[in-house]
Amino acid sequence: MSVKEEKDISIDKQLDLIIEKNKDGASAMKKIIDAISKEKNKINQKPEKV
């Protein structure tokens, strides 16, 4: 299993936990969106190889 696959599984598990803990759909969606935004920022901040 590649590192990316492990990371994807980890993110899926985190999202499942967020949904379990937050039965209120609006707050769950907000937390999921925040988590996705943080991941996108991490990816965008990595320096590009030239």
Protein backbone atom coordinates (compact mmCIF):
# COMPACT_ATOMS: atom_id res chain seq x y z
CA MET A 1 0.00 0.00 0.00
CA SER A 2 1.42 3.38 -0.96
CA VAL A 3 1.76 6.31 1.41
CA LYS A 4 -0.95 8.18 -0.51
CA GLU A 5 -3.38 5.28 -0.11
CA GLU A 6 -2.66 5.15 3.63
CA LYS A 7 -3.25 8.90 3.89
CA ASP A 8 -6.53 8.58 1.96
CA ILE A 9 -7.72 5.84 4.33
CA SER A 10 -6.70 7.97 7.31
CA ILE A 11 -8.70 10.93 5.96
CA ASP A 12 -11.71 8.67 5.35
CA LYS A 13 -11.51 7.39 8.93
CA GLN A 14 -11.28 10.94 10.26
CA LEU A 15 -14.32 11.99 8.24
CA ASP A 16 -16.27 8.97 9.50
CA LEU A 17 -15.41 9.91 13.09
CA ILE A 18 -16.49 13.52 12.52
CA ILE A 19 -19.82 12.34 11.09
CA GLU A 20 -20.35 9.90 13.98
CA LYS A 21 -19.66 12.58 16.60
CA ASN A 22 -21.75 15.27 14.91
CA LYS A 23 -25.23 14.09 14.16
CA ASP A 24 -26.06 17.71 13.33
CA GLY A 25 -25.43 17.70 9.59
CA ALA A 26 -24.50 21.37 9.30
CA SER A 27 -21.69 21.23 11.86
CA ALA A 28 -20.43 17.94 10.41
CA MET A 29 -20.30 19.45 6.92
CA LYS A 30 -18.47 22.52 8.23
CA LYS A 31 -15.85 20.34 9.93
CA ILE A 32 -15.43 18.23 6.78
CA ILE A 33 -15.01 21.35 4.63
CA ASP A 34 -12.46 22.75 7.11
CA ALA A 35 -10.53 19.45 7.04
CA ILE A 36 -10.49 19.42 3.23
CA SER A 37 -9.34 23.05 3.16
CA LYS A 38 -6.46 22.27 5.54
CA GLU A 39 -5.36 19.33 3.37
CA LYS A 40 -5.49 21.48 0.22
CA ASN A 41 -3.40 24.15 1.93
CA LYS A 42 -0.78 21.56 2.95
CA ILE A 43 -0.58 20.31 -0.65
CA ASN A 44 -0.37 23.84 -2.08
CA GLN A 45 2.39 24.87 0.35
CA LYS A 46 4.76 22.08 -0.72
CA PRO A 47 7.57 23.52 -2.85
CA GLU A 48 7.49 22.45 -6.48
CA LYS A 49 10.42 20.46 -7.80
CA VAL A 50 12.05 22.09 -10.79
